[in-house]
PDB file of N, CA and C in Angstrom:
ATOM      1  N   UNK A   1    -160.883  59.780 -10.795  1.00  0.00           N
ATOM      2  CA  UNK A   1    -161.949  60.551 -11.392  1.00  0.00           C
ATOM      3  C   UNK A   1    -162.740  61.324 -10.338  1.00  0.00           C
ATOM      4  N   UNK A   2    -163.024  60.684  -9.189  1.00  0.00           N
ATOM      5  CA  UNK A   2    -163.832  61.342  -8.160  1.00  0.00           C
ATOM      6  C   UNK A   2    -163.160  62.621  -7.662  1.00  0.00           C
ATOM      7  N   UNK A   3    -161.841  62.547  -7.477  1.00  0.00           N
ATOM      8  CA  UNK A   3    -161.123  63.718  -6.984  1.00  0.00           C
ATOM      9  C   UNK A   3    -161.146  64.832  -8.029  1.00  0.00           C
ATOM     10  N   UNK A   4    -160.963  64.479  -9.283  1.00  0.00           N
ATOM     11  CA  UNK A   4    -160.958  65.493 -10.349  1.00  0.00           C
ATOM     12  C   UNK A   4    -162.303  66.210 -10.410  1.00  0.00           C
ATOM     13  N   UNK A   5    -163.382  65.448 -10.297  1.00  0.00           N
ATOM     14  CA  UNK A   5    -164.710  66.042 -10.338  1.00  0.00           C
ATOM     15  C   UNK A   5    -164.884  67.026  -9.177  1.00  0.00           C
ATOM     16  N   UNK A   6    -164.500  66.624  -7.980  1.00  0.00           N
ATOM     17  CA  UNK A   6    -164.639  67.492  -6.809  1.00  0.00           C
ATOM     18  C   UNK A   6    -163.807  68.762  -6.968  1.00  0.00           C
ATOM     19  N   UNK A   7    -162.607  68.634  -7.497  1.00  0.00           N
ATOM     20  CA  UNK A   7    -161.752  69.809  -7.717  1.00  0.00           C
ATOM     21  C   UNK A   7    -162.390  70.740  -8.742  1.00  0.00           C
ATOM     22  N   UNK A   8    -162.952  70.189  -9.791  1.00  0.00           N
ATOM     23  CA  UNK A   8    -163.592  71.012 -10.818  1.00  0.00           C
ATOM     24  C   UNK A   8    -164.844  71.703 -10.275  1.00  0.00           C
ATOM     25  N   UNK A   9    -165.565  71.034  -9.394  1.00  0.00           N
ATOM     26  CA  UNK A   9    -166.724  71.665  -8.734  1.00  0.00           C
ATOM     27  C   UNK A   9    -166.252  72.898  -7.971  1.00  0.00           C
ATOM     28  N   UNK A  10    -165.174  72.772  -7.222  1.00  0.00           N
ATOM     29  CA  UNK A  10    -164.702  73.912  -6.436  1.00  0.00           C
ATOM     30  C   UNK A  10    -164.248  75.050  -7.346  1.00  0.00           C
ATOM     31  N   UNK A  11    -163.601  74.732  -8.461  1.00  0.00           N
ATOM     32  CA  UNK A  11    -163.197  75.777  -9.415  1.00  0.00           C
ATOM     33  C   UNK A  11    -164.422  76.467 -10.008  1.00  0.00           C
ATOM     34  N   UNK A  12    -165.431  75.691 -10.319  1.00  0.00           N
ATOM     35  CA  UNK A  12    -166.665  76.235 -10.883  1.00  0.00           C
ATOM     36  C   UNK A  12    -167.336  77.186  -9.889  1.00  0.00           C
ATOM     37  N   UNK A  13    -167.419  76.779  -8.642  1.00  0.00           N
ATOM     38  CA  UNK A  13    -168.093  77.576  -7.621  1.00  0.00           C
ATOM     39  C   UNK A  13    -167.340  78.885  -7.346  1.00  0.00           C
ATOM     40  N   UNK A  14    -166.026  78.851  -7.447  1.00  0.00           N
ATOM     41  CA  UNK A  14    -165.237  80.076  -7.205  1.00  0.00           C
ATOM     42  C   UNK A  14    -165.592  81.205  -8.166  1.00  0.00           C
ATOM     43  N   UNK A  15    -166.169  80.858  -9.310  1.00  0.00           N
ATOM     44  CA  UNK A  15    -166.539  81.878 -10.300  1.00  0.00           C
ATOM     45  C   UNK A  15    -167.954  82.427 -10.082  1.00  0.00           C
ATOM     46  N   UNK A  16    -168.669  81.922  -9.094  1.00  0.00           N
ATOM     47  CA  UNK A  16    -170.026  82.399  -8.835  1.00  0.00           C
ATOM     48  C   UNK A  16    -169.986  83.841  -8.336  1.00  0.00           C
ATOM     49  N   UNK A  17    -171.069  84.579  -8.569  1.00  0.00           N
ATOM     50  CA  UNK A  17    -171.142  85.942  -8.026  1.00  0.00           C
ATOM     51  C   UNK A  17    -171.050  85.922  -6.501  1.00  0.00           C
ATOM     52  N   UNK A  18    -170.473  86.948  -5.969  1.00  0.00           N
ATOM     53  CA  UNK A  18    -170.322  87.046  -4.514  1.00  0.00           C
ATOM     54  C   UNK A  18    -171.536  87.781  -3.936  1.00  0.00           C
ATOM     55  N   UNK A  19    -172.669  87.088  -4.025  1.00  0.00           N
ATOM     56  CA  UNK A  19    -173.913  87.607  -3.450  1.00  0.00           C
ATOM     57  C   UNK A  19    -174.625  86.442  -2.779  1.00  0.00           C
ATOM     58  N   UNK A  20    -175.789  86.707  -2.224  1.00  0.00           N
ATOM     59  CA  UNK A  20    -176.490  85.677  -1.453  1.00  0.00           C
ATOM     60  C   UNK A  20    -176.811  84.447  -2.309  1.00  0.00           C
ATOM     61  N   UNK A  21    -177.184  84.647  -3.563  1.00  0.00           N
ATOM     62  CA  UNK A  21    -177.505  83.522  -4.439  1.00  0.00           C
ATOM     63  C   UNK A  21    -176.244  82.728  -4.765  1.00  0.00           C
ATOM     64  N   UNK A  22    -175.189  83.419  -5.129  1.00  0.00           N
ATOM     65  CA  UNK A  22    -173.935  82.738  -5.441  1.00  0.00           C
ATOM     66  C   UNK A  22    -173.402  81.949  -4.262  1.00  0.00           C
ATOM     67  N   UNK A  23    -173.480  82.530  -3.061  1.00  0.00           N
ATOM     68  CA  UNK A  23    -173.007  81.818  -1.872  1.00  0.00           C
ATOM     69  C   UNK A  23    -173.852  80.576  -1.589  1.00  0.00           C
ATOM     70  N   UNK A  24    -175.161  80.701  -1.695  1.00  0.00           N
ATOM     71  CA  UNK A  24    -176.037  79.558  -1.404  1.00  0.00           C
ATOM     72  C   UNK A  24    -175.867  78.450  -2.434  1.00  0.00           C
ATOM     73  N   UNK A  25    -175.862  78.806  -3.709  1.00  0.00           N
ATOM     74  CA  UNK A  25    -175.669  77.795  -4.752  1.00  0.00           C
ATOM     75  C   UNK A  25    -174.305  77.125  -4.593  1.00  0.00           C
ATOM     76  N   UNK A  26    -173.307  77.947  -4.297  1.00  0.00           N
ATOM     77  CA  UNK A  26    -171.962  77.411  -4.116  1.00  0.00           C
ATOM     78  C   UNK A  26    -171.873  76.452  -2.947  1.00  0.00           C
ATOM     79  N   UNK A  27    -172.486  76.836  -1.840  1.00  0.00           N
ATOM     80  CA  UNK A  27    -172.484  75.973  -0.648  1.00  0.00           C
ATOM     81  C   UNK A  27    -173.140  74.635  -0.965  1.00  0.00           C
ATOM     82  N   UNK A  28    -174.265  74.679  -1.640  1.00  0.00           N
ATOM     83  CA  UNK A  28    -174.983  73.453  -1.990  1.00  0.00           C
ATOM     84  C   UNK A  28    -174.152  72.581  -2.934  1.00  0.00           C
ATOM     85  N   UNK A  29    -173.564  73.204  -3.941  1.00  0.00           N
ATOM     86  CA  UNK A  29    -172.780  72.446  -4.919  1.00  0.00           C
ATOM     87  C   UNK A  29    -171.520  71.840  -4.312  1.00  0.00           C
ATOM     88  N   UNK A  30    -170.846  72.568  -3.462  1.00  0.00           N
ATOM     89  CA  UNK A  30    -169.657  72.018  -2.807  1.00  0.00           C
ATOM     90  C   UNK A  30    -170.046  70.806  -1.962  1.00  0.00           C
ATOM     91  N   UNK A  31    -171.125  70.937  -1.205  1.00  0.00           N
ATOM     92  CA  UNK A  31    -171.554  69.849  -0.320  1.00  0.00           C
ATOM     93  C   UNK A  31    -171.914  68.597  -1.105  1.00  0.00           C
ATOM     94  N   UNK A  32    -172.813  68.744  -2.065  1.00  0.00           N
ATOM     95  CA  UNK A  32    -173.287  67.541  -2.777  1.00  0.00           C
ATOM     96  C   UNK A  32    -172.312  67.091  -3.857  1.00  0.00           C
ATOM     97  N   UNK A  33    -171.519  68.002  -4.415  1.00  0.00           N
ATOM     98  CA  UNK A  33    -170.603  67.633  -5.481  1.00  0.00           C
ATOM     99  C   UNK A  33    -169.360  66.905  -4.993  1.00  0.00           C
ATOM    100  N   UNK A  34    -168.972  67.150  -3.747  1.00  0.00           N
ATOM    101  CA  UNK A  34    -167.797  66.487  -3.188  1.00  0.00           C
ATOM    102  C   UNK A  34    -168.160  65.246  -2.372  1.00  0.00           C
ATOM    103  N   UNK A  35    -169.385  65.129  -1.969  1.00  0.00           N
ATOM    104  CA  UNK A  35    -169.841  64.030  -1.120  1.00  0.00           C
ATOM    105  C   UNK A  35    -169.784  62.644  -1.767  1.00  0.00           C
ATOM    106  N   UNK A  36    -170.179  62.469  -3.028  1.00  0.00           N
ATOM    107  CA  UNK A  36    -170.179  61.109  -3.588  1.00  0.00           C
ATOM    108  C   UNK A  36    -168.827  60.420  -3.542  1.00  0.00           C
ATOM    109  N   UNK A  37    -167.758  61.157  -3.760  1.00  0.00           N
ATOM    110  CA  UNK A  37    -166.427  60.551  -3.717  1.00  0.00           C
ATOM    111  C   UNK A  37    -166.106  59.989  -2.343  1.00  0.00           C
ATOM    112  N   UNK A  38    -166.401  60.760  -1.312  1.00  0.00           N
ATOM    113  CA  UNK A  38    -166.143  60.298   0.052  1.00  0.00           C
ATOM    114  C   UNK A  38    -167.045  59.120   0.414  1.00  0.00           C
ATOM    115  N   UNK A  39    -168.316  59.203   0.034  1.00  0.00           N
ATOM    116  CA  UNK A  39    -169.233  58.104   0.325  1.00  0.00           C
ATOM    117  C   UNK A  39    -168.849  56.826  -0.425  1.00  0.00           C
ATOM    118  N   UNK A  40    -168.339  56.989  -1.646  1.00  0.00           N
ATOM    119  CA  UNK A  40    -167.925  55.835  -2.438  1.00  0.00           C
ATOM    120  C   UNK A  40    -166.723  55.147  -1.793  1.00  0.00           C
ATOM    121  N   UNK A  41    -165.803  55.933  -1.273  1.00  0.00           N
ATOM    122  CA  UNK A  41    -164.663  55.360  -0.544  1.00  0.00           C
ATOM    123  C   UNK A  41    -165.164  54.542   0.643  1.00  0.00           C
ATOM    124  N   UNK A  42    -166.125  55.095   1.364  1.00  0.00           N
ATOM    125  CA  UNK A  42    -166.687  54.383   2.520  1.00  0.00           C
ATOM    126  C   UNK A  42    -167.438  53.134   2.090  1.00  0.00           C
ATOM    127  N   UNK A  43    -168.175  53.212   0.985  1.00  0.00           N
ATOM    128  CA  UNK A  43    -168.938  52.058   0.506  1.00  0.00           C
ATOM    129  C   UNK A  43    -168.009  50.893   0.189  1.00  0.00           C
ATOM    130  N   UNK A  44    -166.876  51.183  -0.419  1.00  0.00           N
ATOM    131  CA  UNK A  44    -165.931  50.120  -0.750  1.00  0.00           C
ATOM    132  C   UNK A  44    -165.339  49.444   0.480  1.00  0.00           C
ATOM    133  N   UNK A  45    -165.423  50.100   1.616  1.00  0.00           N
ATOM    134  CA  UNK A  45    -164.907  49.534   2.867  1.00  0.00           C
ATOM    135  C   UNK A  45    -166.029  49.041   3.791  1.00  0.00           C
ATOM    136  N   UNK A  46    -167.222  48.890   3.254  1.00  0.00           N
ATOM    137  CA  UNK A  46    -168.371  48.487   4.064  1.00  0.00           C
ATOM    138  C   UNK A  46    -168.151  47.110   4.688  1.00  0.00           C
ATOM    139  N   UNK A  47    -168.642  46.988   5.902  1.00  0.00           N
ATOM    140  CA  UNK A  47    -168.515  45.720   6.617  1.00  0.00           C
ATOM    141  C   UNK A  47    -169.634  44.747   6.261  1.00  0.00           C
ATOM    142  N   UNK A  48    -170.718  45.260   5.704  1.00  0.00           N
ATOM    143  CA  UNK A  48    -171.847  44.392   5.370  1.00  0.00           C
ATOM    144  C   UNK A  48    -172.497  44.856   4.072  1.00  0.00           C
ATOM    145  N   UNK A  49    -173.259  43.985   3.486  1.00  0.00           N
ATOM    146  CA  UNK A  49    -173.988  44.309   2.263  1.00  0.00           C
ATOM    147  C   UNK A  49    -175.020  45.400   2.538  1.00  0.00           C
ATOM    148  N   UNK A  50    -175.658  45.342   3.681  1.00  0.00           N
ATOM    149  CA  UNK A  50    -176.654  46.355   4.056  1.00  0.00           C
ATOM    150  C   UNK A  50    -176.003  47.737   4.157  1.00  0.00           C
ATOM    151  N   UNK A  51    -174.842  47.806   4.747  1.00  0.00           N
ATOM    152  CA  UNK A  51    -174.116  49.068   4.863  1.00  0.00           C
ATOM    153  C   UNK A  51    -173.679  49.569   3.486  1.00  0.00           C
ATOM    154  N   UNK A  52    -173.228  48.660   2.630  1.00  0.00           N
ATOM    155  CA  UNK A  52    -172.834  49.018   1.275  1.00  0.00           C
ATOM    156  C   UNK A  52    -174.012  49.635   0.522  1.00  0.00           C
ATOM    157  N   UNK A  53    -175.167  49.010   0.610  1.00  0.00           N
ATOM    158  CA  UNK A  53    -176.370  49.504  -0.073  1.00  0.00           C
ATOM    159  C   UNK A  53    -176.719  50.904   0.431  1.00  0.00           C
ATOM    160  N   UNK A  54    -176.653  51.095   1.718  1.00  0.00           N
ATOM    161  CA  UNK A  54    -176.950  52.410   2.304  1.00  0.00           C
ATOM    162  C   UNK A  54    -176.008  53.481   1.750  1.00  0.00           C
ATOM    163  N   UNK A  55    -174.713  53.173   1.694  1.00  0.00           N
ATOM    164  CA  UNK A  55    -173.731  54.161   1.265  1.00  0.00           C
ATOM    165  C   UNK A  55    -173.794  54.420  -0.239  1.00  0.00           C
ATOM    166  N   UNK A  56    -174.056  53.389  -1.025  1.00  0.00           N
ATOM    167  CA  UNK A  56    -174.195  53.583  -2.471  1.00  0.00           C
ATOM    168  C   UNK A  56    -175.447  54.415  -2.772  1.00  0.00           C
ATOM    169  N   UNK A  57    -176.504  54.195  -2.008  1.00  0.00           N
ATOM    170  CA  UNK A  57    -177.700  55.031  -2.172  1.00  0.00           C
ATOM    171  C   UNK A  57    -177.366  56.497  -1.882  1.00  0.00           C
ATOM    172  N   UNK A  58    -176.558  56.728  -0.867  1.00  0.00           N
ATOM    173  CA  UNK A  58    -176.146  58.105  -0.551  1.00  0.00           C
ATOM    174  C   UNK A  58    -175.349  58.695  -1.708  1.00  0.00           C
ATOM    175  N   UNK A  59    -174.465  57.904  -2.305  1.00  0.00           N
ATOM    176  CA  UNK A  59    -173.701  58.364  -3.477  1.00  0.00           C
ATOM    177  C   UNK A  59    -174.642  58.767  -4.603  1.00  0.00           C
ATOM    178  N   UNK A  60    -175.618  57.934  -4.849  1.00  0.00           N
ATOM    179  CA  UNK A  60    -176.568  58.179  -5.928  1.00  0.00           C
ATOM    180  C   UNK A  60    -177.395  59.433  -5.662  1.00  0.00           C
ATOM    181  N   UNK A  61    -177.890  59.572  -4.447  1.00  0.00           N
ATOM    182  CA  UNK A  61    -178.693  60.745  -4.098  1.00  0.00           C
ATOM    183  C   UNK A  61    -177.883  62.035  -4.216  1.00  0.00           C
ATOM    184  N   UNK A  62    -176.658  62.030  -3.713  1.00  0.00           N
ATOM    185  CA  UNK A  62    -175.828  63.232  -3.777  1.00  0.00           C
ATOM    186  C   UNK A  62    -175.445  63.567  -5.219  1.00  0.00           C
ATOM    187  N   UNK A  63    -175.217  62.550  -6.040  1.00  0.00           N
ATOM    188  CA  UNK A  63    -174.892  62.791  -7.452  1.00  0.00           C
ATOM    189  C   UNK A  63    -176.077  63.412  -8.191  1.00  0.00           C
ATOM    190  N   UNK A  64    -177.266  62.913  -7.906  1.00  0.00           N
ATOM    191  CA  UNK A  64    -178.454  63.487  -8.535  1.00  0.00           C
ATOM    192  C   UNK A  64    -178.698  64.911  -8.046  1.00  0.00           C
ATOM    193  N   UNK A  65    -178.428  65.169  -6.771  1.00  0.00           N
ATOM    194  CA  UNK A  65    -178.563  66.524  -6.252  1.00  0.00           C
ATOM    195  C   UNK A  65    -177.538  67.448  -6.912  1.00  0.00           C
ATOM    196  N   UNK A  66    -176.353  66.945  -7.155  1.00  0.00           N
ATOM    197  CA  UNK A  66    -175.325  67.721  -7.852  1.00  0.00           C
ATOM    198  C   UNK A  66    -175.803  68.102  -9.244  1.00  0.00           C
ATOM    199  N   UNK A  67    -176.387  67.137  -9.939  1.00  0.00           N
ATOM    200  CA  UNK A  67    -176.915  67.409 -11.281  1.00  0.00           C
ATOM    201  C   UNK A  67    -177.966  68.517 -11.228  1.00  0.00           C
ATOM    202  N   UNK A  68    -178.820  68.481 -10.219  1.00  0.00           N
ATOM    203  CA  UNK A  68    -179.852  69.514 -10.050  1.00  0.00           C
ATOM    204  C   UNK A  68    -179.214  70.894  -9.850  1.00  0.00           C
ATOM    205  N   UNK A  69    -178.258  71.014  -8.927  1.00  0.00           N
ATOM    206  CA  UNK A  69    -177.651  72.307  -8.637  1.00  0.00           C
ATOM    207  C   UNK A  69    -176.828  72.814  -9.814  1.00  0.00           C
ATOM    208  N   UNK A  70    -176.224  71.904 -10.574  1.00  0.00           N
ATOM    209  CA  UNK A  70    -175.518  72.328 -11.786  1.00  0.00           C
ATOM    210  C   UNK A  70    -176.493  72.914 -12.798  1.00  0.00           C
ATOM    211  N   UNK A  71    -177.630  72.274 -12.941  1.00  0.00           N
ATOM    212  CA  UNK A  71    -178.654  72.772 -13.861  1.00  0.00           C
ATOM    213  C   UNK A  71    -179.183  74.125 -13.397  1.00  0.00           C
ATOM    214  N   UNK A  72    -179.429  74.235 -12.120  1.00  0.00           N
ATOM    215  CA  UNK A  72    -179.935  75.482 -11.566  1.00  0.00           C
ATOM    216  C   UNK A  72    -178.908  76.610 -11.711  1.00  0.00           C
ATOM    217  N   UNK A  73    -177.652  76.310 -11.449  1.00  0.00           N
ATOM    218  CA  UNK A  73    -176.627  77.348 -11.571  1.00  0.00           C
ATOM    219  C   UNK A  73    -176.437  77.760 -13.025  1.00  0.00           C
ATOM    220  N   UNK A  74    -176.583  76.824 -13.933  1.00  0.00           N
ATOM    221  CA  UNK A  74    -176.510  77.165 -15.361  1.00  0.00           C
ATOM    222  C   UNK A  74    -177.619  78.155 -15.719  1.00  0.00           C
ATOM    223  N   UNK A  75    -178.822  77.898 -15.223  1.00  0.00           N
ATOM    224  CA  UNK A  75    -179.947  78.794 -15.502  1.00  0.00           C
ATOM    225  C   UNK A  75    -179.747  80.159 -14.843  1.00  0.00           C
ATOM    226  N   UNK A  76    -179.166  80.169 -13.652  1.00  0.00           N
ATOM    227  CA  UNK A  76    -179.006  81.422 -12.915  1.00  0.00           C
ATOM    228  C   UNK A  76    -177.821  82.254 -13.400  1.00  0.00           C
ATOM    229  N   UNK A  77    -176.702  81.592 -13.719  1.00  0.00           N
ATOM    230  CA  UNK A  77    -175.463  82.317 -14.006  1.00  0.00           C
ATOM    231  C   UNK A  77    -174.992  82.178 -15.449  1.00  0.00           C
ATOM    232  N   UNK A  78    -175.691  81.380 -16.236  1.00  0.00           N
ATOM    233  CA  UNK A  78    -175.294  81.173 -17.620  1.00  0.00           C
ATOM    234  C   UNK A  78    -174.435  79.931 -17.793  1.00  0.00           C
ATOM    235  N   UNK A  79    -174.378  79.485 -19.007  1.00  0.00           N
ATOM    236  CA  UNK A  79    -173.608  78.281 -19.325  1.00  0.00           C
ATOM    237  C   UNK A  79    -172.172  78.661 -19.648  1.00  0.00           C
ATOM    238  N   UNK A  80    -171.267  77.810 -19.220  1.00  0.00           N
ATOM    239  CA  UNK A  80    -169.876  77.969 -19.618  1.00  0.00           C
ATOM    240  C   UNK A  80    -169.281  76.577 -19.839  1.00  0.00           C
ATOM    241  N   UNK A  81    -168.056  76.541 -20.278  1.00  0.00           N
ATOM    242  CA  UNK A  81    -167.423  75.273 -20.627  1.00  0.00           C
ATOM    243  C   UNK A  81    -167.326  74.326 -19.428  1.00  0.00           C
ATOM    244  N   UNK A  82    -166.988  74.850 -18.273  1.00  0.00           N
ATOM    245  CA  UNK A  82    -166.845  74.014 -17.087  1.00  0.00           C
ATOM    246  C   UNK A  82    -168.189  73.452 -16.651  1.00  0.00           C
ATOM    247  N   UNK A  83    -169.235  74.279 -16.690  1.00  0.00           N
ATOM    248  CA  UNK A  83    -170.571  73.786 -16.344  1.00  0.00           C
ATOM    249  C   UNK A  83    -170.974  72.651 -17.275  1.00  0.00           C
ATOM    250  N   UNK A  84    -170.736  72.806 -18.561  1.00  0.00           N
ATOM    251  CA  UNK A  84    -171.083  71.774 -19.539  1.00  0.00           C
ATOM    252  C   UNK A  84    -170.326  70.488 -19.249  1.00  0.00           C
ATOM    253  N   UNK A  85    -169.035  70.601 -18.949  1.00  0.00           N
ATOM    254  CA  UNK A  85    -168.230  69.422 -18.631  1.00  0.00           C
ATOM    255  C   UNK A  85    -168.767  68.719 -17.380  1.00  0.00           C
ATOM    256  N   UNK A  86    -169.062  69.507 -16.347  1.00  0.00           N
ATOM    257  CA  UNK A  86    -169.557  68.928 -15.088  1.00  0.00           C
ATOM    258  C   UNK A  86    -170.897  68.220 -15.285  1.00  0.00           C
ATOM    259  N   UNK A  87    -171.807  68.839 -16.025  1.00  0.00           N
ATOM    260  CA  UNK A  87    -173.118  68.223 -16.283  1.00  0.00           C
ATOM    261  C   UNK A  87    -172.942  66.896 -17.007  1.00  0.00           C
ATOM    262  N   UNK A  88    -172.061  66.861 -17.996  1.00  0.00           N
ATOM    263  CA  UNK A  88    -171.812  65.611 -18.720  1.00  0.00           C
ATOM    264  C   UNK A  88    -171.111  64.586 -17.832  1.00  0.00           C
ATOM    265  N   UNK A  89    -170.198  65.049 -17.011  1.00  0.00           N
ATOM    266  CA  UNK A  89    -169.403  64.154 -16.171  1.00  0.00           C
ATOM    267  C   UNK A  89    -170.215  63.535 -15.037  1.00  0.00           C
ATOM    268  N   UNK A  90    -171.190  64.239 -14.493  1.00  0.00           N
ATOM    269  CA  UNK A  90    -171.946  63.728 -13.347  1.00  0.00           C
ATOM    270  C   UNK A  90    -172.834  62.544 -13.748  1.00  0.00           C
ATOM    271  N   UNK A  91    -173.154  62.422 -15.009  1.00  0.00           N
ATOM    272  CA  UNK A  91    -173.996  61.301 -15.444  1.00  0.00           C
ATOM    273  C   UNK A  91    -173.282  59.955 -15.336  1.00  0.00           C
ATOM    274  N   UNK A  92    -171.976  59.949 -15.508  1.00  0.00           N
ATOM    275  CA  UNK A  92    -171.230  58.680 -15.447  1.00  0.00           C
ATOM    276  C   UNK A  92    -171.291  58.027 -14.058  1.00  0.00           C
ATOM    277  N   UNK A  93    -170.978  58.752 -12.980  1.00  0.00           N
ATOM    278  CA  UNK A  93    -171.101  58.104 -11.666  1.00  0.00           C
ATOM    279  C   UNK A  93    -172.538  57.707 -11.334  1.00  0.00           C
ATOM    280  N   UNK A  94    -173.512  58.457 -11.833  1.00  0.00           N
ATOM    281  CA  UNK A  94    -174.906  58.073 -11.590  1.00  0.00           C
ATOM    282  C   UNK A  94    -175.169  56.699 -12.196  1.00  0.00           C
ATOM    283  N   UNK A  95    -174.676  56.469 -13.397  1.00  0.00           N
ATOM    284  CA  UNK A  95    -174.837  55.153 -14.037  1.00  0.00           C
ATOM    285  C   UNK A  95    -174.119  54.067 -13.238  1.00  0.00           C
ATOM    286  N   UNK A  96    -172.912  54.367 -12.789  1.00  0.00           N
ATOM    287  CA  UNK A  96    -172.138  53.390 -12.007  1.00  0.00           C
ATOM    288  C   UNK A  96    -172.842  53.079 -10.696  1.00  0.00           C
ATOM    289  N   UNK A  97    -173.284  54.104  -9.983  1.00  0.00           N
ATOM    290  CA  UNK A  97    -173.953  53.881  -8.699  1.00  0.00           C
ATOM    291  C   UNK A  97    -175.252  53.108  -8.883  1.00  0.00           C
ATOM    292  N   UNK A  98    -176.009  53.416  -9.931  1.00  0.00           N
ATOM    293  CA  UNK A  98    -177.236  52.664 -10.208  1.00  0.00           C
ATOM    294  C   UNK A  98    -176.942  51.195 -10.459  1.00  0.00           C
ATOM    295  N   UNK A  99    -175.914  50.913 -11.236  1.00  0.00           N
ATOM    296  CA  UNK A  99    -175.557  49.525 -11.549  1.00  0.00           C
ATOM    297  C   UNK A  99    -175.093  48.783 -10.298  1.00  0.00           C
ATOM    298  N   UNK A 100    -174.246  49.426  -9.509  1.00  0.00           N
ATOM    299  CA  UNK A 100    -173.757  48.765  -8.281  1.00  0.00           C
ATOM    300  C   UNK A 100    -174.888  48.561  -7.279  1.00  0.00           C
ATOM    301  N   UNK A 101    -175.790  49.521  -7.197  1.00  0.00           N
ATOM    302  CA  UNK A 101    -176.934  49.383  -6.293  1.00  0.00           C
ATOM    303  C   UNK A 101    -177.837  48.240  -6.750  1.00  0.00           C
ATOM    304  N   UNK A 102    -178.108  48.155  -8.033  1.00  0.00           N
ATOM    305  CA  UNK A 102    -178.966  47.080  -8.554  1.00  0.00           C
ATOM    306  C   UNK A 102    -178.353  45.714  -8.258  1.00  0.00           C
ATOM    307  N   UNK A 103    -177.045  45.575  -8.480  1.00  0.00           N
ATOM    308  CA  UNK A 103    -176.379  44.293  -8.190  1.00  0.00           C
ATOM    309  C   UNK A 103    -176.431  43.972  -6.706  1.00  0.00           C
ATOM    310  N   UNK A 104    -176.218  44.978  -5.877  1.00  0.00           N
ATOM    311  CA  UNK A 104    -176.237  44.756  -4.427  1.00  0.00           C
ATOM    312  C   UNK A 104    -177.633  44.371  -3.957  1.00  0.00           C
ATOM    313  N   UNK A 105    -178.654  45.042  -4.471  1.00  0.00           N
ATOM    314  CA  UNK A 105    -180.030  44.705  -4.074  1.00  0.00           C
ATOM    315  C   UNK A 105    -180.395  43.294  -4.522  1.00  0.00           C
ATOM    316  N   UNK A 106    -179.971  42.936  -5.715  1.00  0.00           N
ATOM    317  CA  UNK A 106    -180.229  41.586  -6.207  1.00  0.00           C
ATOM    318  C   UNK A 106    -179.523  40.558  -5.330  1.00  0.00           C
ATOM    319  N   UNK A 107    -178.293  40.875  -4.994  1.00  0.00           N
ATOM    320  CA  UNK A 107    -177.532  39.955  -4.137  1.00  0.00           C
ATOM    321  C   UNK A 107    -178.141  39.850  -2.746  1.00  0.00           C
ATOM    322  N   UNK A 108    -178.663  40.956  -2.233  1.00  0.00           N
ATOM    323  CA  UNK A 108    -179.236  40.941  -0.881  1.00  0.00           C
ATOM    324  C   UNK A 108    -180.504  40.103  -0.822  1.00  0.00           C
ATOM    325  N   UNK A 109    -181.155  39.910  -1.959  1.00  0.00           N
ATOM    326  CA  UNK A 109    -182.377  39.112  -1.996  1.00  0.00           C
ATOM    327  C   UNK A 109    -182.099  37.647  -2.309  1.00  0.00           C
ATOM    328  N   UNK A 110    -180.852  37.342  -2.594  1.00  0.00           N
ATOM    329  CA  UNK A 110    -180.462  35.971  -2.897  1.00  0.00           C
ATOM    330  C   UNK A 110    -180.465  35.139  -1.624  1.00  0.00           C
ATOM    331  N   UNK A 111    -181.013  33.916  -1.681  1.00  0.00           N
ATOM    332  CA  UNK A 111    -181.055  33.092  -0.471  1.00  0.00           C
ATOM    333  C   UNK A 111    -179.679  32.679   0.033  1.00  0.00           C
ATOM    334  N   UNK A 112    -178.670  32.679  -0.837  1.00  0.00           N
ATOM    335  CA  UNK A 112    -177.346  32.284  -0.407  1.00  0.00           C
ATOM    336  C   UNK A 112    -176.430  33.481  -0.129  1.00  0.00           C
ATOM    337  N   UNK A 113    -177.037  34.654   0.045  1.00  0.00           N
ATOM    338  CA  UNK A 113    -176.262  35.867   0.360  1.00  0.00           C
ATOM    339  C   UNK A 113    -175.587  35.697   1.708  1.00  0.00           C
ATOM    340  N   UNK A 114    -174.296  35.977   1.730  1.00  0.00           N
ATOM    341  CA  UNK A 114    -173.571  35.879   3.013  1.00  0.00           C
ATOM    342  C   UNK A 114    -173.348  37.251   3.634  1.00  0.00           C
ATOM    343  N   UNK A 115    -174.036  38.254   3.118  1.00  0.00           N
ATOM    344  CA  UNK A 115    -173.994  39.625   3.623  1.00  0.00           C
ATOM    345  C   UNK A 115    -172.643  40.277   3.429  1.00  0.00           C
ATOM    346  N   UNK A 116    -171.825  39.764   2.531  1.00  0.00           N
ATOM    347  CA  UNK A 116    -170.542  40.404   2.234  1.00  0.00           C
ATOM    348  C   UNK A 116    -170.764  41.460   1.150  1.00  0.00           C
ATOM    349  N   UNK A 117    -170.096  42.595   1.264  1.00  0.00           N
ATOM    350  CA  UNK A 117    -170.313  43.676   0.317  1.00  0.00           C
ATOM    351  C   UNK A 117    -169.609  43.509  -1.026  1.00  0.00           C
ATOM    352  N   UNK A 118    -168.844  42.468  -1.238  1.00  0.00           N
ATOM    353  CA  UNK A 118    -168.079  42.289  -2.462  1.00  0.00           C
ATOM    354  C   UNK A 118    -168.982  42.336  -3.681  1.00  0.00           C
ATOM    355  N   UNK A 119    -168.749  43.341  -4.536  1.00  0.00           N
ATOM    356  CA  UNK A 119    -169.541  43.482  -5.769  1.00  0.00           C
ATOM    357  C   UNK A 119    -168.633  43.773  -6.901  1.00  0.00           C
TER     358      UNK A 119
END
């Protein structure tokens, strides 16, 4: 799913106007829209619970930033089918990242936490 979302972001950005606004919005969307997938891969390979929490927070922040830029681009360039799909699709990883972060934070506060990232 992460790869499909990133590919769809790039397809969406390719349709932006070739002007200063289109380039800036596109640059922002490519950066934040492709980042959560890479950060999630890293989070799953975390050596510690603290590192996992840090990386999942990054996933969550980048996903929320993606939602913002999608909303902004919709307002600037109009709504289309791909924008609608992306806006709906970005909410799912946000829910997943929130749930994994909550479990990790709860586990990190547990007195018997062994600092392993397994969640």
